[in-house]
Amino acid sequence: MEETDLQLIRKLIPKDKELKTLWDEHLEYEEKLDQLNKRRYLSTEEEMRRKEIQKLKLQGKDKIEEILRRYRADL
């Protein structure tokens, strides 16, 4: 994400519970992906889990972007 997006997220998190939940999930998915990506080899199950986490992270990011667009439109 761009720095301006990150700044807006930090500003809005205390006011928007949905955004906070989505952001916390995003960070959790990022950490899980980092752990999986550090491994040299992944089992089939781990690879499937990695792909699922990537999808969930992307869906969450899309929702975060939608919330940010709404806030920008109100400015």
PDB file of N, CA and C in Angstrom:
ATOM      1  N   MET A   1       0.836  -1.179   0.000  1.00  0.00           N
ATOM      2  CA  MET A   1       0.000   0.000   0.000  1.00  0.00           C
ATOM      3  C   MET A   1       0.877   1.237   0.000  1.00  0.00           C
ATOM      4  N   GLU A   2       0.312   2.288  -0.534  1.00  0.00           N
ATOM      5  CA  GLU A   2       1.050   3.547  -0.585  1.00  0.00           C
ATOM      6  C   GLU A   2       1.078   4.185   0.792  1.00  0.00           C
ATOM      7  N   GLU A   3       2.064   5.026   1.000  1.00  0.00           N
ATOM      8  CA  GLU A   3       2.219   5.684   2.303  1.00  0.00           C
ATOM      9  C   GLU A   3       1.005   6.548   2.639  1.00  0.00           C
ATOM     10  N   THR A   4       0.419   7.199   1.650  1.00  0.00           N
ATOM     11  CA  THR A   4      -0.769   8.028   1.927  1.00  0.00           C
ATOM     12  C   THR A   4      -1.932   7.162   2.407  1.00  0.00           C
ATOM     13  N   ASP A   5      -2.071   5.960   1.832  1.00  0.00           N
ATOM     14  CA  ASP A   5      -3.104   5.026   2.288  1.00  0.00           C
ATOM     15  C   ASP A   5      -2.845   4.595   3.720  1.00  0.00           C
ATOM     16  N   LEU A   6      -1.599   4.286   4.026  1.00  0.00           N
ATOM     17  CA  LEU A   6      -1.244   3.862   5.380  1.00  0.00           C
ATOM     18  C   LEU A   6      -1.514   4.963   6.403  1.00  0.00           C
ATOM     19  N   GLN A   7      -1.210   6.187   6.032  1.00  0.00           N
ATOM     20  CA  GLN A   7      -1.476   7.312   6.932  1.00  0.00           C
ATOM     21  C   GLN A   7      -2.976   7.470   7.176  1.00  0.00           C
ATOM     22  N   LEU A   8      -3.768   7.337   6.121  1.00  0.00           N
ATOM     23  CA  LEU A   8      -5.219   7.450   6.260  1.00  0.00           C
ATOM     24  C   LEU A   8      -5.766   6.308   7.113  1.00  0.00           C
ATOM     25  N   ILE A   9      -5.257   5.116   6.910  1.00  0.00           N
ATOM     26  CA  ILE A   9      -5.692   3.962   7.702  1.00  0.00           C
ATOM     27  C   ILE A   9      -5.397   4.211   9.180  1.00  0.00           C
ATOM     28  N   ARG A  10      -4.185   4.661   9.490  1.00  0.00           N
ATOM     29  CA  ARG A  10      -3.820   4.931  10.884  1.00  0.00           C
ATOM     30  C   ARG A  10      -4.742   5.985  11.499  1.00  0.00           C
ATOM     31  N   LYS A  11      -5.125   6.959  10.708  1.00  0.00           N
ATOM     32  CA  LYS A  11      -5.998   8.029  11.188  1.00  0.00           C
ATOM     33  C   LYS A  11      -7.423   7.520  11.430  1.00  0.00           C
ATOM     34  N   LEU A  12      -7.900   6.619  10.576  1.00  0.00           N
ATOM     35  CA  LEU A  12      -9.297   6.183  10.628  1.00  0.00           C
ATOM     36  C   LEU A  12      -9.553   4.981  11.536  1.00  0.00           C
ATOM     37  N   ILE A  13      -8.534   4.196  11.827  1.00  0.00           N
ATOM     38  CA  ILE A  13      -8.721   2.978  12.623  1.00  0.00           C
ATOM     39  C   ILE A  13      -9.447   3.231  13.951  1.00  0.00           C
ATOM     40  N   PRO A  14      -9.094   4.285  14.691  1.00  0.00           N
ATOM     41  CA  PRO A  14      -9.813   4.487  15.954  1.00  0.00           C
ATOM     42  C   PRO A  14     -11.306   4.798  15.768  1.00  0.00           C
ATOM     43  N   LYS A  15     -11.689   5.275  14.598  1.00  0.00           N
ATOM     44  CA  LYS A  15     -13.070   5.684  14.347  1.00  0.00           C
ATOM     45  C   LYS A  15     -13.905   4.613  13.642  1.00  0.00           C
ATOM     46  N   ASP A  16     -13.261   3.677  12.983  1.00  0.00           N
ATOM     47  CA  ASP A  16     -13.972   2.729  12.122  1.00  0.00           C
ATOM     48  C   ASP A  16     -13.620   1.291  12.521  1.00  0.00           C
ATOM     49  N   LYS A  17     -14.566   0.619  13.187  1.00  0.00           N
ATOM     50  CA  LYS A  17     -14.323  -0.743  13.677  1.00  0.00           C
ATOM     51  C   LYS A  17     -14.115  -1.728  12.527  1.00  0.00           C
ATOM     52  N   GLU A  18     -14.890  -1.568  11.451  1.00  0.00           N
ATOM     53  CA  GLU A  18     -14.744  -2.478  10.309  1.00  0.00           C
ATOM     54  C   GLU A  18     -13.346  -2.359   9.715  1.00  0.00           C
ATOM     55  N   LEU A  19     -12.883  -1.142   9.546  1.00  0.00           N
ATOM     56  CA  LEU A  19     -11.544  -0.915   9.009  1.00  0.00           C
ATOM     57  C   LEU A  19     -10.491  -1.515   9.936  1.00  0.00           C
ATOM     58  N   LYS A  20     -10.656  -1.332  11.240  1.00  0.00           N
ATOM     59  CA  LYS A  20      -9.700  -1.893  12.193  1.00  0.00           C
ATOM     60  C   LYS A  20      -9.652  -3.418  12.080  1.00  0.00           C
ATOM     61  N   THR A  21     -10.815  -4.043  12.001  1.00  0.00           N
ATOM     62  CA  THR A  21     -10.877  -5.502  11.883  1.00  0.00           C
ATOM     63  C   THR A  21     -10.196  -5.969  10.600  1.00  0.00           C
ATOM     64  N   LEU A  22     -10.516  -5.314   9.499  1.00  0.00           N
ATOM     65  CA  LEU A  22      -9.917  -5.675   8.216  1.00  0.00           C
ATOM     66  C   LEU A  22      -8.399  -5.475   8.234  1.00  0.00           C
ATOM     67  N   TRP A  23      -7.949  -4.382   8.847  1.00  0.00           N
ATOM     68  CA  TRP A  23      -6.518  -4.098   8.899  1.00  0.00           C
ATOM     69  C   TRP A  23      -5.795  -5.130   9.762  1.00  0.00           C
ATOM     70  N   ASP A  24      -6.393  -5.481  10.901  1.00  0.00           N
ATOM     71  CA  ASP A  24      -5.786  -6.501  11.758  1.00  0.00           C
ATOM     72  C   ASP A  24      -5.680  -7.839  11.025  1.00  0.00           C
ATOM     73  N   GLU A  25      -6.733  -8.202  10.301  1.00  0.00           N
ATOM     74  CA  GLU A  25      -6.710  -9.439   9.514  1.00  0.00           C
ATOM     75  C   GLU A  25      -5.636  -9.373   8.441  1.00  0.00           C
ATOM     76  N   HIS A  26      -5.533  -8.226   7.780  1.00  0.00           N
ATOM     77  CA  HIS A  26      -4.531  -8.032   6.730  1.00  0.00           C
ATOM     78  C   HIS A  26      -3.126  -8.274   7.287  1.00  0.00           C
ATOM     79  N   LEU A  27      -2.843  -7.704   8.449  1.00  0.00           N
ATOM     80  CA  LEU A  27      -1.522  -7.873   9.063  1.00  0.00           C
ATOM     81  C   LEU A  27      -1.293  -9.329   9.471  1.00  0.00           C
ATOM     82  N   GLU A  28      -2.332  -9.972   9.956  1.00  0.00           N
ATOM     83  CA  GLU A  28      -2.216 -11.384  10.344  1.00  0.00           C
ATOM     84  C   GLU A  28      -1.923 -12.256   9.124  1.00  0.00           C
ATOM     85  N   TYR A  29      -2.642 -12.020   8.035  1.00  0.00           N
ATOM     86  CA  TYR A  29      -2.408 -12.783   6.803  1.00  0.00           C
ATOM     87  C   TYR A  29      -1.000 -12.535   6.277  1.00  0.00           C
ATOM     88  N   GLU A  30      -0.561 -11.291   6.365  1.00  0.00           N
ATOM     89  CA  GLU A  30       0.780 -10.958   5.902  1.00  0.00           C
ATOM     90  C   GLU A  30       1.842 -11.734   6.688  1.00  0.00           C
ATOM     91  N   GLU A  31       1.657 -11.807   8.003  1.00  0.00           N
ATOM     92  CA  GLU A  31       2.593 -12.544   8.849  1.00  0.00           C
ATOM     93  C   GLU A  31       2.594 -14.028   8.504  1.00  0.00           C
ATOM     94  N   LYS A  32       1.419 -14.607   8.313  1.00  0.00           N
ATOM     95  CA  LYS A  32       1.328 -16.027   7.966  1.00  0.00           C
ATOM     96  C   LYS A  32       1.994 -16.301   6.622  1.00  0.00           C
ATOM     97  N   LEU A  33       1.770 -15.408   5.661  1.00  0.00           N
ATOM     98  CA  LEU A  33       2.406 -15.579   4.351  1.00  0.00           C
ATOM     99  C   LEU A  33       3.914 -15.472   4.458  1.00  0.00           C
ATOM    100  N   ASP A  34       4.397 -14.534   5.255  1.00  0.00           N
ATOM    101  CA  ASP A  34       5.844 -14.396   5.452  1.00  0.00           C
ATOM    102  C   ASP A  34       6.438 -15.679   6.015  1.00  0.00           C
ATOM    103  N   GLN A  35       5.748 -16.269   6.986  1.00  0.00           N
ATOM    104  CA  GLN A  35       6.237 -17.509   7.586  1.00  0.00           C
ATOM    105  C   GLN A  35       6.280 -18.636   6.552  1.00  0.00           C
ATOM    106  N   LEU A  36       5.232 -18.737   5.750  1.00  0.00           N
ATOM    107  CA  LEU A  36       5.212 -19.786   4.724  1.00  0.00           C
ATOM    108  C   LEU A  36       6.250 -19.527   3.633  1.00  0.00           C
ATOM    109  N   ASN A  37       6.401 -18.279   3.251  1.00  0.00           N
ATOM    110  CA  ASN A  37       7.338 -17.942   2.176  1.00  0.00           C
ATOM    111  C   ASN A  37       8.797 -18.116   2.584  1.00  0.00           C
ATOM    112  N   LYS A  38       9.068 -18.137   3.867  1.00  0.00           N
ATOM    113  CA  LYS A  38      10.444 -18.343   4.338  1.00  0.00           C
ATOM    114  C   LYS A  38      10.871 -19.803   4.214  1.00  0.00           C
ATOM    115  N   ARG A  39       9.905 -20.683   4.110  1.00  0.00           N
ATOM    116  CA  ARG A  39      10.226 -22.104   4.002  1.00  0.00           C
ATOM    117  C   ARG A  39      10.749 -22.421   2.615  1.00  0.00           C
ATOM    118  N   ARG A  40      11.683 -23.318   2.589  1.00  0.00           N
ATOM    119  CA  ARG A  40      12.279 -23.695   1.306  1.00  0.00           C
ATOM    120  C   ARG A  40      11.302 -24.528   0.473  1.00  0.00           C
ATOM    121  N   TYR A  41      10.621 -25.450   1.135  1.00  0.00           N
ATOM    122  CA  TYR A  41       9.658 -26.306   0.445  1.00  0.00           C
ATOM    123  C   TYR A  41       8.346 -26.299   1.216  1.00  0.00           C
ATOM    124  N   LEU A  42       7.258 -26.375   0.474  1.00  0.00           N
ATOM    125  CA  LEU A  42       5.933 -26.455   1.077  1.00  0.00           C
ATOM    126  C   LEU A  42       5.269 -27.749   0.638  1.00  0.00           C
ATOM    127  N   SER A  43       4.579 -28.367   1.576  1.00  0.00           N
ATOM    128  CA  SER A  43       3.796 -29.546   1.207  1.00  0.00           C
ATOM    129  C   SER A  43       2.614 -29.073   0.361  1.00  0.00           C
ATOM    130  N   THR A  44       1.928 -30.008  -0.241  1.00  0.00           N
ATOM    131  CA  THR A  44       0.756 -29.659  -1.048  1.00  0.00           C
ATOM    132  C   THR A  44      -0.268 -28.928  -0.193  1.00  0.00           C
ATOM    133  N   GLU A  45      -0.470 -29.412   1.018  1.00  0.00           N
ATOM    134  CA  GLU A  45      -1.423 -28.776   1.924  1.00  0.00           C
ATOM    135  C   GLU A  45      -0.990 -27.356   2.293  1.00  0.00           C
ATOM    136  N   GLU A  46       0.297 -27.185   2.553  1.00  0.00           N
ATOM    137  CA  GLU A  46       0.812 -25.854   2.887  1.00  0.00           C
ATOM    138  C   GLU A  46       0.700 -24.902   1.700  1.00  0.00           C
ATOM    139  N   GLU A  47       0.950 -25.403   0.508  1.00  0.00           N
ATOM    140  CA  GLU A  47       0.829 -24.575  -0.694  1.00  0.00           C
ATOM    141  C   GLU A  47      -0.624 -24.140  -0.901  1.00  0.00           C
ATOM    142  N   MET A  48      -1.552 -25.061  -0.674  1.00  0.00           N
ATOM    143  CA  MET A  48      -2.974 -24.723  -0.795  1.00  0.00           C
ATOM    144  C   MET A  48      -3.355 -23.685   0.259  1.00  0.00           C
ATOM    145  N   ARG A  49      -2.843 -23.833   1.468  1.00  0.00           N
ATOM    146  CA  ARG A  49      -3.120 -22.876   2.540  1.00  0.00           C
ATOM    147  C   ARG A  49      -2.543 -21.510   2.179  1.00  0.00           C
ATOM    148  N   ARG A  50      -1.344 -21.499   1.619  1.00  0.00           N
ATOM    149  CA  ARG A  50      -0.712 -20.231   1.215  1.00  0.00           C
ATOM    150  C   ARG A  50      -1.566 -19.509   0.178  1.00  0.00           C
ATOM    151  N   LYS A  51      -2.067 -20.245  -0.784  1.00  0.00           N
ATOM    152  CA  LYS A  51      -2.911 -19.643  -1.825  1.00  0.00           C
ATOM    153  C   LYS A  51      -4.221 -19.128  -1.236  1.00  0.00           C
ATOM    154  N   GLU A  52      -4.782 -19.868  -0.288  1.00  0.00           N
ATOM    155  CA  GLU A  52      -6.014 -19.432   0.359  1.00  0.00           C
ATOM    156  C   GLU A  52      -5.785 -18.144   1.148  1.00  0.00           C
ATOM    157  N   ILE A  53      -4.674 -18.077   1.859  1.00  0.00           N
ATOM    158  CA  ILE A  53      -4.349 -16.870   2.620  1.00  0.00           C
ATOM    159  C   ILE A  53      -4.159 -15.689   1.674  1.00  0.00           C
ATOM    160  N   GLN A  54      -3.509 -15.912   0.539  1.00  0.00           N
ATOM    161  CA  GLN A  54      -3.325 -14.848  -0.442  1.00  0.00           C
ATOM    162  C   GLN A  54      -4.677 -14.317  -0.920  1.00  0.00           C
ATOM    163  N   LYS A  55      -5.609 -15.224  -1.183  1.00  0.00           N
ATOM    164  CA  LYS A  55      -6.942 -14.809  -1.631  1.00  0.00           C
ATOM    165  C   LYS A  55      -7.651 -14.004  -0.559  1.00  0.00           C
ATOM    166  N   LEU A  56      -7.588 -14.485   0.682  1.00  0.00           N
ATOM    167  CA  LEU A  56      -8.242 -13.786   1.784  1.00  0.00           C
ATOM    168  C   LEU A  56      -7.630 -12.397   1.985  1.00  0.00           C
ATOM    169  N   LYS A  57      -6.312 -12.321   1.879  1.00  0.00           N
ATOM    170  CA  LYS A  57      -5.623 -11.045   2.041  1.00  0.00           C
ATOM    171  C   LYS A  57      -6.039 -10.069   0.936  1.00  0.00           C
ATOM    172  N   LEU A  58      -6.129 -10.549  -0.278  1.00  0.00           N
ATOM    173  CA  LEU A  58      -6.531  -9.704  -1.395  1.00  0.00           C
ATOM    174  C   LEU A  58      -7.977  -9.238  -1.242  1.00  0.00           C
ATOM    175  N   GLN A  59      -8.868 -10.122  -0.819  1.00  0.00           N
ATOM    176  CA  GLN A  59     -10.261  -9.734  -0.590  1.00  0.00           C
ATOM    177  C   GLN A  59     -10.350  -8.658   0.485  1.00  0.00           C
ATOM    178  N   GLY A  60      -9.587  -8.833   1.548  1.00  0.00           N
ATOM    179  CA  GLY A  60      -9.565  -7.840   2.616  1.00  0.00           C
ATOM    180  C   GLY A  60      -9.009  -6.515   2.144  1.00  0.00           C
ATOM    181  N   LYS A  61      -7.970  -6.582   1.332  1.00  0.00           N
ATOM    182  CA  LYS A  61      -7.370  -5.352   0.809  1.00  0.00           C
ATOM    183  C   LYS A  61      -8.362  -4.606  -0.074  1.00  0.00           C
ATOM    184  N   ASP A  62      -9.136  -5.348  -0.864  1.00  0.00           N
ATOM    185  CA  ASP A  62     -10.162  -4.716  -1.692  1.00  0.00           C
ATOM    186  C   ASP A  62     -11.199  -4.004  -0.832  1.00  0.00           C
ATOM    187  N   LYS A  63     -11.584  -4.634   0.274  1.00  0.00           N
ATOM    188  CA  LYS A  63     -12.558  -4.015   1.184  1.00  0.00           C
ATOM    189  C   LYS A  63     -11.972  -2.775   1.848  1.00  0.00           C
ATOM    190  N   ILE A  64     -10.699  -2.852   2.223  1.00  0.00           N
ATOM    191  CA  ILE A  64     -10.032  -1.691   2.812  1.00  0.00           C
ATOM    192  C   ILE A  64     -10.005  -0.544   1.816  1.00  0.00           C
ATOM    193  N   GLU A  65      -9.665  -0.842   0.573  1.00  0.00           N
ATOM    194  CA  GLU A  65      -9.623   0.189  -0.469  1.00  0.00           C
ATOM    195  C   GLU A  65     -11.003   0.817  -0.672  1.00  0.00           C
ATOM    196  N   GLU A  66     -12.038   0.007  -0.594  1.00  0.00           N
ATOM    197  CA  GLU A  66     -13.402   0.515  -0.743  1.00  0.00           C
ATOM    198  C   GLU A  66     -13.736   1.491   0.390  1.00  0.00           C
ATOM    199  N   ILE A  67     -13.368   1.145   1.604  1.00  0.00           N
ATOM    200  CA  ILE A  67     -13.613   2.035   2.748  1.00  0.00           C
ATOM    201  C   ILE A  67     -12.838   3.334   2.583  1.00  0.00           C
ATOM    202  N   LEU A  68     -11.591   3.238   2.154  1.00  0.00           N
ATOM    203  CA  LEU A  68     -10.778   4.440   1.955  1.00  0.00           C
ATOM    204  C   LEU A  68     -11.365   5.330   0.873  1.00  0.00           C
ATOM    205  N   ARG A  69     -11.891   4.717  -0.194  1.00  0.00           N
ATOM    206  CA  ARG A  69     -12.535   5.508  -1.261  1.00  0.00           C
ATOM    207  C   ARG A  69     -13.736   6.274  -0.720  1.00  0.00           C
ATOM    208  N   ARG A  70     -14.520   5.619   0.126  1.00  0.00           N
ATOM    209  CA  ARG A  70     -15.689   6.295   0.713  1.00  0.00           C
ATOM    210  C   ARG A  70     -15.260   7.495   1.548  1.00  0.00           C
ATOM    211  N   TYR A  71     -14.224   7.321   2.357  1.00  0.00           N
ATOM    212  CA  TYR A  71     -13.744   8.431   3.177  1.00  0.00           C
ATOM    213  C   TYR A  71     -13.189   9.549   2.312  1.00  0.00           C
ATOM    214  N   ARG A  72     -12.486   9.203   1.258  1.00  0.00           N
ATOM    215  CA  ARG A  72     -11.931  10.243   0.370  1.00  0.00           C
ATOM    216  C   ARG A  72     -13.052  11.005  -0.332  1.00  0.00           C
ATOM    217  N   ALA A  73     -14.120  10.312  -0.690  1.00  0.00           N
ATOM    218  CA  ALA A  73     -15.241  10.955  -1.363  1.00  0.00           C
ATOM    219  C   ALA A  73     -15.941  11.948  -0.441  1.00  0.00           C
ATOM    220  N   ASP A  74     -15.898  11.672   0.868  1.00  0.00           N
ATOM    221  CA  ASP A  74     -16.540  12.564   1.836  1.00  0.00           C
ATOM    222  C   ASP A  74     -15.701  13.793   2.152  1.00  0.00           C
ATOM    223  N   LEU A  75     -14.425  13.776   1.772  1.00  0.00           N
ATOM    224  CA  LEU A  75     -13.537  14.915   2.065  1.00  0.00           C
ATOM    225  C   LEU A  75     -13.817  16.099   1.189  1.00  0.00           C
TER     226      LEU A  75
END
